[in-house]
Amino acid sequence: MRRPKILVFAGSIRTGSFNARLAGLAVKELALLNADVIRISLADYPLPLYDGDAEAAAGPPQNAVKLKRLFGIHHGIFHREPGVQRLVTPLLKNTLDWISRVREAPEPPLAAYKQRVFALGAASNGTHGGYRSLIALRHVLGSAAAPWCCRTRSRCATPPPPSTTWTICAMRPMRIGCGPC
């Protein structure tokens, strides 16, 4: 059986982000399951705000093309989303918009979102742990016809603050024991 290729990234580039830490834990857990895991930071792929006129004049930015190709070579995308006012973060929404615009012949529209699974998760010190932003993100990805799943159980190498809620599924928040390993 082929090893699954999984791309992992957080929707936050803030120093000390809970979601970047959760992405790191996901990488460890997936590696233990014998997956071929690549972790990236969106900080390494800066993109301008989406602008249809700029796209018409110059095409999509090179970083959008690189990210679309990264999506394309992976079977799954494991994304960690911070809860920002119950919405998808502007960083992620802009990234997804640009990736959706990249089309290389003879691909169908939205090829980066087809035939791969998206797993969603969030960590936040708020009451709902990013739960509401995951619902919004699930809607965005569903519009691109991306299947999704959310199953993981992680143990933290460095425990988060006790008030941190780890949301693992867009459908139901849960606390996962994050005591010392």
N, C-alpha and C. Protein backbone atom coordinates (compact mmCIF):
# COMPACT_ATOMS: atom_id res chain seq x y z
N MET A 1 0.84 -1.18 0.00
CA MET A 1 0.00 0.00 0.00
C MET A 1 0.88 1.25 0.00
N ARG A 2 0.48 2.24 -0.77
CA ARG A 2 1.21 3.50 -0.86
C ARG A 2 1.10 4.30 0.42
N ARG A 3 2.20 4.93 0.81
CA ARG A 3 2.16 5.83 1.98
C ARG A 3 1.40 7.09 1.59
N PRO A 4 0.44 7.51 2.42
CA PRO A 4 -0.27 8.74 2.10
C PRO A 4 0.64 9.96 2.25
N LYS A 5 0.51 10.89 1.33
CA LYS A 5 1.26 12.14 1.38
C LYS A 5 0.34 13.21 1.95
N ILE A 6 0.75 13.81 3.06
CA ILE A 6 -0.08 14.78 3.77
C ILE A 6 0.66 16.10 3.88
N LEU A 7 -0.01 17.18 3.51
CA LEU A 7 0.52 18.54 3.66
C LEU A 7 -0.12 19.15 4.90
N VAL A 8 0.70 19.67 5.81
CA VAL A 8 0.21 20.24 7.06
C VAL A 8 0.62 21.71 7.13
N PHE A 9 -0.35 22.56 7.50
CA PHE A 9 -0.03 23.97 7.73
C PHE A 9 -1.08 24.61 8.62
N ALA A 10 -0.69 25.71 9.23
CA ALA A 10 -1.59 26.47 10.10
C ALA A 10 -2.05 27.72 9.38
N GLY A 11 -3.24 28.18 9.73
CA GLY A 11 -3.79 29.40 9.14
C GLY A 11 -3.33 30.64 9.87
N SER A 12 -2.34 30.49 10.72
CA SER A 12 -1.79 31.62 11.48
C SER A 12 -0.28 31.61 11.33
N ILE A 13 0.28 32.79 11.19
CA ILE A 13 1.74 32.89 11.12
C ILE A 13 2.27 33.65 12.34
N ARG A 14 1.41 33.85 13.34
CA ARG A 14 1.78 34.56 14.55
C ARG A 14 2.80 33.75 15.35
N THR A 15 3.80 34.41 15.88
CA THR A 15 4.78 33.76 16.74
C THR A 15 4.07 33.19 17.96
N GLY A 16 4.33 31.93 18.27
CA GLY A 16 3.71 31.30 19.42
C GLY A 16 2.29 30.82 19.19
N SER A 17 1.85 30.78 17.96
CA SER A 17 0.48 30.38 17.62
C SER A 17 0.16 28.99 18.15
N PHE A 18 -0.99 28.85 18.82
CA PHE A 18 -1.46 27.53 19.26
C PHE A 18 -1.63 26.61 18.05
N ASN A 19 -2.09 27.16 16.94
CA ASN A 19 -2.36 26.35 15.76
C ASN A 19 -1.09 25.88 15.08
N ALA A 20 -0.03 26.67 15.13
CA ALA A 20 1.25 26.20 14.62
C ALA A 20 1.76 25.05 15.49
N ARG A 21 1.54 25.16 16.81
CA ARG A 21 1.93 24.07 17.71
C ARG A 21 1.10 22.82 17.42
N LEU A 22 -0.19 23.01 17.19
CA LEU A 22 -1.05 21.88 16.87
C LEU A 22 -0.65 21.25 15.54
N ALA A 23 -0.23 22.05 14.58
CA ALA A 23 0.25 21.52 13.30
C ALA A 23 1.50 20.66 13.53
N GLY A 24 2.38 21.13 14.41
CA GLY A 24 3.57 20.35 14.74
C GLY A 24 3.22 19.00 15.36
N LEU A 25 2.22 19.00 16.23
CA LEU A 25 1.77 17.74 16.83
C LEU A 25 1.16 16.82 15.77
N ALA A 26 0.42 17.39 14.84
CA ALA A 26 -0.18 16.58 13.77
C ALA A 26 0.91 15.93 12.93
N VAL A 27 1.98 16.67 12.66
CA VAL A 27 3.10 16.11 11.88
C VAL A 27 3.68 14.89 12.60
N LYS A 28 3.89 15.01 13.91
CA LYS A 28 4.45 13.89 14.68
C LYS A 28 3.52 12.68 14.64
N GLU A 29 2.23 12.92 14.86
CA GLU A 29 1.27 11.82 14.89
C GLU A 29 1.15 11.14 13.52
N LEU A 30 1.12 11.94 12.46
CA LEU A 30 1.01 11.38 11.11
C LEU A 30 2.26 10.59 10.74
N ALA A 31 3.43 11.09 11.16
CA ALA A 31 4.67 10.37 10.89
C ALA A 31 4.67 9.01 11.60
N LEU A 32 4.12 8.97 12.82
CA LEU A 32 4.01 7.71 13.55
C LEU A 32 3.10 6.71 12.83
N LEU A 33 2.17 7.24 12.05
CA LEU A 33 1.25 6.40 11.28
C LEU A 33 1.83 6.06 9.90
N ASN A 34 3.11 6.39 9.70
CA ASN A 34 3.83 6.08 8.47
C ASN A 34 3.37 6.89 7.26
N ALA A 35 2.86 8.09 7.52
CA ALA A 35 2.51 8.99 6.42
C ALA A 35 3.74 9.78 6.00
N ASP A 36 3.78 10.18 4.75
CA ASP A 36 4.82 11.05 4.22
C ASP A 36 4.31 12.47 4.43
N VAL A 37 4.86 13.17 5.43
CA VAL A 37 4.31 14.45 5.87
C VAL A 37 5.24 15.60 5.52
N ILE A 38 4.66 16.66 4.98
CA ILE A 38 5.38 17.90 4.71
C ILE A 38 4.65 19.01 5.46
N ARG A 39 5.39 19.80 6.22
CA ARG A 39 4.80 20.94 6.93
C ARG A 39 5.33 22.22 6.32
N ILE A 40 4.43 23.14 6.04
CA ILE A 40 4.82 24.44 5.50
C ILE A 40 4.25 25.55 6.37
N SER A 41 4.77 26.74 6.18
CA SER A 41 4.22 27.94 6.81
C SER A 41 3.77 28.87 5.69
N LEU A 42 2.60 29.43 5.83
CA LEU A 42 2.13 30.38 4.81
C LEU A 42 3.00 31.64 4.79
N ALA A 43 3.78 31.87 5.84
CA ALA A 43 4.70 33.01 5.84
C ALA A 43 5.76 32.86 4.74
N ASP A 44 6.03 31.62 4.34
CA ASP A 44 7.01 31.36 3.29
C ASP A 44 6.43 31.53 1.88
N TYR A 45 5.14 31.80 1.80
CA TYR A 45 4.45 31.95 0.51
C TYR A 45 3.60 33.23 0.52
N PRO A 46 4.23 34.40 0.67
CA PRO A 46 3.45 35.63 0.74
C PRO A 46 2.69 35.87 -0.57
N LEU A 47 1.46 36.35 -0.42
CA LEU A 47 0.60 36.64 -1.57
C LEU A 47 -0.02 38.02 -1.41
N PRO A 48 -0.19 38.75 -2.52
CA PRO A 48 -0.93 40.02 -2.42
C PRO A 48 -2.41 39.72 -2.21
N LEU A 49 -3.17 40.71 -1.78
CA LEU A 49 -4.61 40.52 -1.69
C LEU A 49 -5.14 40.19 -3.08
N TYR A 50 -6.10 39.27 -3.13
CA TYR A 50 -6.63 38.87 -4.44
C TYR A 50 -7.22 40.09 -5.14
N ASP A 51 -6.87 40.23 -6.41
CA ASP A 51 -7.34 41.33 -7.24
C ASP A 51 -7.50 40.78 -8.66
N GLY A 52 -8.74 40.69 -9.12
CA GLY A 52 -9.02 40.15 -10.44
C GLY A 52 -8.36 40.91 -11.57
N ASP A 53 -8.24 42.24 -11.42
CA ASP A 53 -7.57 43.04 -12.45
C ASP A 53 -6.08 42.71 -12.52
N ALA A 54 -5.45 42.58 -11.36
CA ALA A 54 -4.02 42.22 -11.33
C ALA A 54 -3.83 40.82 -11.91
N GLU A 55 -4.74 39.91 -11.60
CA GLU A 55 -4.64 38.56 -12.15
C GLU A 55 -4.78 38.58 -13.67
N ALA A 56 -5.73 39.36 -14.18
CA ALA A 56 -5.94 39.44 -15.63
C ALA A 56 -4.71 40.02 -16.33
N ALA A 57 -4.04 40.97 -15.66
CA ALA A 57 -2.87 41.61 -16.26
C ALA A 57 -1.61 40.75 -16.19
N ALA A 58 -1.41 40.05 -15.06
CA ALA A 58 -0.13 39.35 -14.87
C ALA A 58 -0.27 37.86 -14.53
N GLY A 59 -1.49 37.37 -14.39
CA GLY A 59 -1.68 35.98 -13.99
C GLY A 59 -1.51 35.83 -12.49
N PRO A 60 -1.69 34.62 -11.99
CA PRO A 60 -1.55 34.42 -10.55
C PRO A 60 -0.09 34.54 -10.11
N PRO A 61 0.14 34.97 -8.87
CA PRO A 61 1.52 35.08 -8.36
C PRO A 61 2.19 33.71 -8.31
N GLN A 62 3.51 33.70 -8.42
CA GLN A 62 4.27 32.44 -8.39
C GLN A 62 4.01 31.64 -7.12
N ASN A 63 3.85 32.32 -5.98
CA ASN A 63 3.59 31.59 -4.73
C ASN A 63 2.24 30.88 -4.77
N ALA A 64 1.27 31.44 -5.45
CA ALA A 64 -0.03 30.76 -5.60
C ALA A 64 0.15 29.50 -6.45
N VAL A 65 0.96 29.60 -7.49
CA VAL A 65 1.23 28.44 -8.34
C VAL A 65 1.97 27.37 -7.54
N LYS A 66 2.95 27.77 -6.75
CA LYS A 66 3.70 26.82 -5.92
C LYS A 66 2.78 26.11 -4.92
N LEU A 67 1.91 26.87 -4.26
CA LEU A 67 1.00 26.27 -3.28
C LEU A 67 0.00 25.33 -3.96
N LYS A 68 -0.50 25.74 -5.11
CA LYS A 68 -1.43 24.87 -5.84
C LYS A 68 -0.76 23.55 -6.21
N ARG A 69 0.48 23.62 -6.63
CA ARG A 69 1.22 22.41 -6.98
C ARG A 69 1.48 21.55 -5.75
N LEU A 70 1.76 22.19 -4.61
CA LEU A 70 1.93 21.44 -3.36
C LEU A 70 0.63 20.72 -2.99
N PHE A 71 -0.49 21.41 -3.10
CA PHE A 71 -1.78 20.76 -2.84
C PHE A 71 -1.93 19.56 -3.77
N GLY A 72 -1.58 19.75 -5.03
CA GLY A 72 -1.79 18.73 -6.05
C GLY A 72 -1.01 17.45 -5.86
N ILE A 73 0.16 17.51 -5.23
CA ILE A 73 0.96 16.30 -5.06
C ILE A 73 0.70 15.57 -3.75
N HIS A 74 -0.23 16.09 -2.95
CA HIS A 74 -0.56 15.46 -1.67
C HIS A 74 -1.95 14.84 -1.71
N HIS A 75 -2.10 13.71 -1.02
CA HIS A 75 -3.41 13.05 -0.92
C HIS A 75 -4.32 13.77 0.05
N GLY A 76 -3.73 14.41 1.04
CA GLY A 76 -4.53 15.09 2.07
C GLY A 76 -3.88 16.38 2.52
N ILE A 77 -4.72 17.26 3.00
CA ILE A 77 -4.28 18.54 3.54
C ILE A 77 -4.78 18.60 4.98
N PHE A 78 -3.87 18.78 5.92
CA PHE A 78 -4.22 18.86 7.34
C PHE A 78 -4.05 20.31 7.76
N HIS A 79 -5.13 21.02 7.93
CA HIS A 79 -5.08 22.46 8.18
C HIS A 79 -5.53 22.78 9.60
N ARG A 80 -4.82 23.69 10.25
CA ARG A 80 -5.12 24.18 11.58
C ARG A 80 -5.56 25.63 11.48
N GLU A 81 -6.74 25.93 11.96
CA GLU A 81 -7.33 27.26 11.79
C GLU A 81 -7.56 27.94 13.13
N PRO A 82 -7.00 29.13 13.34
CA PRO A 82 -7.30 29.86 14.57
C PRO A 82 -8.73 30.42 14.51
N GLY A 83 -9.35 30.55 15.62
CA GLY A 83 -10.70 31.13 15.66
C GLY A 83 -10.59 32.65 15.65
N VAL A 84 -10.92 33.27 14.56
CA VAL A 84 -10.86 34.73 14.45
C VAL A 84 -12.26 35.24 14.14
N GLN A 85 -12.92 35.77 15.16
CA GLN A 85 -14.26 36.33 14.99
C GLN A 85 -15.21 35.40 14.24
N ARG A 86 -15.06 34.10 14.48
CA ARG A 86 -15.95 33.09 13.89
C ARG A 86 -15.82 32.97 12.38
N LEU A 87 -14.75 33.47 11.82
CA LEU A 87 -14.57 33.46 10.37
C LEU A 87 -13.25 32.79 10.01
N VAL A 88 -13.09 32.49 8.74
CA VAL A 88 -11.82 32.01 8.21
C VAL A 88 -10.85 33.18 8.28
N THR A 89 -9.60 32.92 8.65
CA THR A 89 -8.63 34.02 8.74
C THR A 89 -8.43 34.65 7.37
N PRO A 90 -8.21 35.96 7.32
CA PRO A 90 -7.95 36.61 6.03
C PRO A 90 -6.75 35.99 5.31
N LEU A 91 -5.71 35.60 6.06
CA LEU A 91 -4.54 34.97 5.46
C LEU A 91 -4.95 33.71 4.70
N LEU A 92 -5.72 32.84 5.33
CA LEU A 92 -6.12 31.60 4.68
C LEU A 92 -7.09 31.85 3.54
N LYS A 93 -8.07 32.70 3.75
CA LYS A 93 -9.07 32.96 2.70
C LYS A 93 -8.39 33.50 1.45
N ASN A 94 -7.48 34.43 1.61
CA ASN A 94 -6.76 34.98 0.47
C ASN A 94 -5.93 33.90 -0.22
N THR A 95 -5.28 33.05 0.58
CA THR A 95 -4.48 31.96 0.02
C THR A 95 -5.35 31.01 -0.78
N LEU A 96 -6.48 30.60 -0.21
CA LEU A 96 -7.39 29.69 -0.91
C LEU A 96 -7.95 30.33 -2.19
N ASP A 97 -8.25 31.63 -2.13
CA ASP A 97 -8.74 32.32 -3.33
C ASP A 97 -7.70 32.28 -4.44
N TRP A 98 -6.45 32.60 -4.11
CA TRP A 98 -5.41 32.59 -5.13
C TRP A 98 -5.19 31.18 -5.69
N ILE A 99 -5.14 30.18 -4.80
CA ILE A 99 -4.93 28.81 -5.27
C ILE A 99 -6.06 28.39 -6.20
N SER A 100 -7.28 28.80 -5.89
CA SER A 100 -8.43 28.43 -6.72
C SER A 100 -8.34 29.02 -8.12
N ARG A 101 -7.56 30.08 -8.28
CA ARG A 101 -7.45 30.75 -9.58
C ARG A 101 -6.37 30.14 -10.47
N VAL A 102 -5.52 29.32 -9.91
CA VAL A 102 -4.43 28.71 -10.70
C VAL A 102 -5.00 27.51 -11.45
N ARG A 103 -4.85 27.56 -12.75
CA ARG A 103 -5.33 26.45 -13.59
C ARG A 103 -4.29 26.19 -14.66
N GLU A 104 -3.73 24.99 -14.60
CA GLU A 104 -2.72 24.61 -15.58
C GLU A 104 -3.35 23.60 -16.53
N ALA A 105 -3.15 23.80 -17.82
CA ALA A 105 -3.76 22.93 -18.83
C ALA A 105 -3.30 21.50 -18.62
N PRO A 106 -4.12 20.54 -18.80
CA PRO A 106 -5.54 20.52 -19.13
C PRO A 106 -6.44 20.30 -17.91
N GLU A 107 -6.09 20.88 -16.79
CA GLU A 107 -6.82 20.65 -15.54
C GLU A 107 -8.23 21.23 -15.56
N PRO A 108 -9.13 20.59 -14.80
CA PRO A 108 -10.45 21.18 -14.59
C PRO A 108 -10.33 22.33 -13.58
N PRO A 109 -11.32 23.19 -13.51
CA PRO A 109 -11.31 24.25 -12.49
C PRO A 109 -11.22 23.64 -11.09
N LEU A 110 -10.55 24.33 -10.20
CA LEU A 110 -10.42 23.94 -8.79
C LEU A 110 -9.72 22.60 -8.60
N ALA A 111 -8.83 22.24 -9.49
CA ALA A 111 -8.15 20.94 -9.43
C ALA A 111 -7.42 20.72 -8.11
N ALA A 112 -6.92 21.79 -7.50
CA ALA A 112 -6.17 21.66 -6.24
C ALA A 112 -7.05 21.13 -5.11
N TYR A 113 -8.35 21.27 -5.24
CA TYR A 113 -9.27 20.86 -4.18
C TYR A 113 -9.94 19.52 -4.45
N LYS A 114 -9.72 18.98 -5.63
CA LYS A 114 -10.38 17.73 -6.02
C LYS A 114 -9.51 16.53 -5.64
N GLN A 115 -10.14 15.44 -5.33
CA GLN A 115 -9.50 14.15 -5.08
C GLN A 115 -8.42 14.20 -4.00
N ARG A 116 -8.64 14.99 -2.99
CA ARG A 116 -7.81 14.97 -1.79
C ARG A 116 -8.71 15.27 -0.60
N VAL A 117 -8.31 14.84 0.53
CA VAL A 117 -9.11 15.01 1.74
C VAL A 117 -8.52 16.14 2.57
N PHE A 118 -9.38 16.97 3.10
CA PHE A 118 -8.97 18.06 3.97
C PHE A 118 -9.39 17.72 5.40
N ALA A 119 -8.43 17.70 6.30
CA ALA A 119 -8.72 17.52 7.73
C ALA A 119 -8.57 18.88 8.39
N LEU A 120 -9.51 19.22 9.23
CA LEU A 120 -9.55 20.54 9.83
C LEU A 120 -9.42 20.44 11.34
N GLY A 121 -8.74 21.38 11.93
CA GLY A 121 -8.61 21.42 13.37
C GLY A 121 -8.29 22.82 13.82
N ALA A 122 -8.48 23.09 15.10
CA ALA A 122 -8.21 24.42 15.62
C ALA A 122 -7.82 24.34 17.08
N ALA A 123 -7.08 25.32 17.51
CA ALA A 123 -6.74 25.49 18.92
C ALA A 123 -6.92 26.96 19.25
N SER A 124 -7.55 27.22 20.37
CA SER A 124 -7.80 28.60 20.76
C SER A 124 -7.97 28.65 22.27
N ASN A 125 -7.68 29.79 22.86
CA ASN A 125 -7.94 29.94 24.28
C ASN A 125 -9.35 30.47 24.54
N GLY A 126 -10.15 30.58 23.48
CA GLY A 126 -11.53 31.00 23.62
C GLY A 126 -12.44 29.85 24.02
N THR A 127 -13.67 30.17 24.31
CA THR A 127 -14.64 29.19 24.77
C THR A 127 -14.87 28.06 23.79
N HIS A 128 -14.91 28.36 22.53
CA HIS A 128 -15.26 27.35 21.53
C HIS A 128 -14.07 26.81 20.75
N GLY A 129 -12.87 27.25 21.05
CA GLY A 129 -11.67 26.66 20.48
C GLY A 129 -11.57 26.68 18.97
N GLY A 130 -12.09 27.69 18.33
CA GLY A 130 -12.01 27.75 16.88
C GLY A 130 -13.12 27.02 16.16
N TYR A 131 -14.03 26.44 16.90
CA TYR A 131 -15.13 25.65 16.34
C TYR A 131 -15.90 26.42 15.27
N ARG A 132 -16.26 27.66 15.57
CA ARG A 132 -17.09 28.41 14.62
C ARG A 132 -16.33 28.77 13.35
N SER A 133 -15.06 29.05 13.47
CA SER A 133 -14.29 29.35 12.25
C SER A 133 -14.14 28.10 11.39
N LEU A 134 -14.12 26.91 12.01
CA LEU A 134 -14.03 25.69 11.23
C LEU A 134 -15.31 25.44 10.44
N ILE A 135 -16.44 25.84 10.99
CA ILE A 135 -17.69 25.72 10.24
C ILE A 135 -17.62 26.59 8.99
N ALA A 136 -17.12 27.81 9.14
CA ALA A 136 -16.98 28.72 8.00
C ALA A 136 -15.98 28.15 6.98
N LEU A 137 -14.87 27.59 7.48
CA LEU A 137 -13.88 27.01 6.58
C LEU A 137 -14.43 25.80 5.86
N ARG A 138 -15.19 24.99 6.56
CA ARG A 138 -15.80 23.82 5.93
C ARG A 138 -16.72 24.26 4.78
N HIS A 139 -17.43 25.35 4.99
CA HIS A 139 -18.30 25.88 3.93
C HIS A 139 -17.48 26.32 2.72
N VAL A 140 -16.37 27.02 2.96
CA VAL A 140 -15.51 27.48 1.86
C VAL A 140 -14.97 26.28 1.08
N LEU A 141 -14.45 25.29 1.80
CA LEU A 141 -13.89 24.11 1.11
C LEU A 141 -15.00 23.30 0.43
N GLY A 142 -16.17 23.22 1.04
CA GLY A 142 -17.28 22.51 0.42
C GLY A 142 -17.70 23.16 -0.88
N SER A 143 -17.59 24.48 -0.97
CA SER A 143 -17.91 25.18 -2.20
C SER A 143 -16.95 24.80 -3.32
N ALA A 144 -15.74 24.41 -2.93
CA ALA A 144 -14.74 23.97 -3.92
C ALA A 144 -14.82 22.46 -4.13
N ALA A 145 -15.83 21.83 -3.54
CA ALA A 145 -16.08 20.39 -3.68
C ALA A 145 -14.95 19.54 -3.10
N ALA A 146 -14.38 19.99 -2.00
CA ALA A 146 -13.32 19.22 -1.34
C ALA A 146 -13.93 18.35 -0.25
N PRO A 147 -13.66 17.04 -0.26
CA PRO A 147 -14.10 16.21 0.86
C PRO A 147 -13.28 16.57 2.09
N TRP A 148 -13.78 16.29 3.28
CA TRP A 148 -13.04 16.62 4.48
C TRP A 148 -13.27 15.56 5.53
N CYS A 149 -12.33 15.46 6.43
CA CYS A 149 -12.50 14.60 7.59
C CYS A 149 -11.73 15.23 8.73
N CYS A 150 -12.07 14.84 9.92
CA CYS A 150 -11.41 15.42 11.09
C CYS A 150 -11.29 14.36 12.17
N ARG A 151 -10.27 13.57 12.13
CA ARG A 151 -10.06 12.59 13.19
C ARG A 151 -8.60 12.60 13.58
N THR A 152 -8.34 12.90 14.81
CA THR A 152 -7.00 12.79 15.33
C THR A 152 -7.06 12.76 16.84
N ARG A 153 -6.09 12.19 17.42
CA ARG A 153 -5.91 12.24 18.87
C ARG A 153 -4.43 12.49 19.06
N SER A 154 -4.10 13.60 19.65
CA SER A 154 -2.70 13.96 19.82
C SER A 154 -2.37 14.11 21.30
N ARG A 155 -1.15 13.82 21.64
CA ARG A 155 -0.66 14.15 22.96
C ARG A 155 0.41 15.21 22.78
N CYS A 156 0.39 16.18 23.65
CA CYS A 156 1.26 17.33 23.48
C CYS A 156 2.64 17.09 24.07
N ALA A 157 3.66 17.45 23.34
CA ALA A 157 5.00 17.41 23.88
C ALA A 157 5.17 18.58 24.86
N THR A 158 4.59 19.72 24.53
CA THR A 158 4.57 20.87 25.41
C THR A 158 3.12 21.22 25.65
N PRO A 159 2.57 20.95 26.84
CA PRO A 159 1.16 21.17 27.06
C PRO A 159 0.76 22.63 26.86
N PRO A 160 -0.40 22.87 26.25
CA PRO A 160 -0.90 24.24 26.11
C PRO A 160 -1.46 24.71 27.44
N PRO A 161 -1.79 25.98 27.57
CA PRO A 161 -2.42 26.46 28.81
C PRO A 161 -3.70 25.67 29.07
N PRO A 162 -4.09 25.49 30.36
CA PRO A 162 -5.27 24.70 30.68
C PRO A 162 -6.55 25.22 30.04
N SER A 163 -6.62 26.51 29.72
CA SER A 163 -7.84 27.06 29.14
C SER A 163 -7.96 26.80 27.65
N THR A 164 -6.93 26.20 27.04
CA THR A 164 -6.96 25.97 25.60
C THR A 164 -7.93 24.86 25.24
N THR A 165 -8.79 25.12 24.30
CA THR A 165 -9.70 24.11 23.78
C THR A 165 -9.15 23.65 22.44
N TRP A 166 -8.96 22.36 22.28
CA TRP A 166 -8.48 21.81 21.02
C TRP A 166 -9.69 21.30 20.26
N THR A 167 -10.02 21.91 19.17
CA THR A 167 -11.14 21.45 18.37
C THR A 167 -10.58 20.61 17.25
N ILE A 168 -11.05 19.39 17.15
CA ILE A 168 -10.51 18.48 16.17
C ILE A 168 -11.48 18.28 15.02
N CYS A 169 -12.72 18.57 15.19
CA CYS A 169 -13.68 18.34 14.13
C CYS A 169 -14.57 19.55 13.97
N ALA A 170 -14.88 19.91 12.75
CA ALA A 170 -15.73 21.06 12.49
C ALA A 170 -17.15 20.82 13.00
N MET A 171 -17.48 19.60 13.29
CA MET A 171 -18.84 19.29 13.73
C MET A 171 -18.98 19.23 15.25
N ARG A 172 -17.89 19.00 15.98
CA ARG A 172 -18.05 18.89 17.42
C ARG A 172 -16.74 19.23 18.11
N PRO A 173 -16.77 20.21 19.04
CA PRO A 173 -15.56 20.52 19.78
C PRO A 173 -15.34 19.47 20.86
N MET A 174 -14.11 19.23 21.19
CA MET A 174 -13.79 18.28 22.25
C MET A 174 -12.49 18.66 22.91
N ARG A 175 -12.33 18.28 24.13
CA ARG A 175 -11.05 18.48 24.81
C ARG A 175 -10.27 17.19 24.69
N ILE A 176 -9.02 17.33 24.38
CA ILE A 176 -8.15 16.16 24.30
C ILE A 176 -7.16 16.28 25.43
N GLY A 177 -6.91 15.19 26.11
CA GLY A 177 -5.95 15.21 27.22
C GLY A 177 -4.59 15.65 26.72
N CYS A 178 -4.13 16.76 27.22
CA CYS A 178 -2.85 17.30 26.77
C CYS A 178 -1.85 17.35 27.90
N GLY A 179 -1.86 16.35 28.76
CA GLY A 179 -0.89 16.30 29.84
C GLY A 179 0.47 15.91 29.30
N PRO A 180 1.47 15.92 30.14
CA PRO A 180 2.80 15.53 29.68
C PRO A 180 2.81 14.11 29.13
N CYS A 181 3.56 13.88 28.08
CA CYS A 181 3.62 12.57 27.47
C CYS A 181 4.35 11.59 28.36
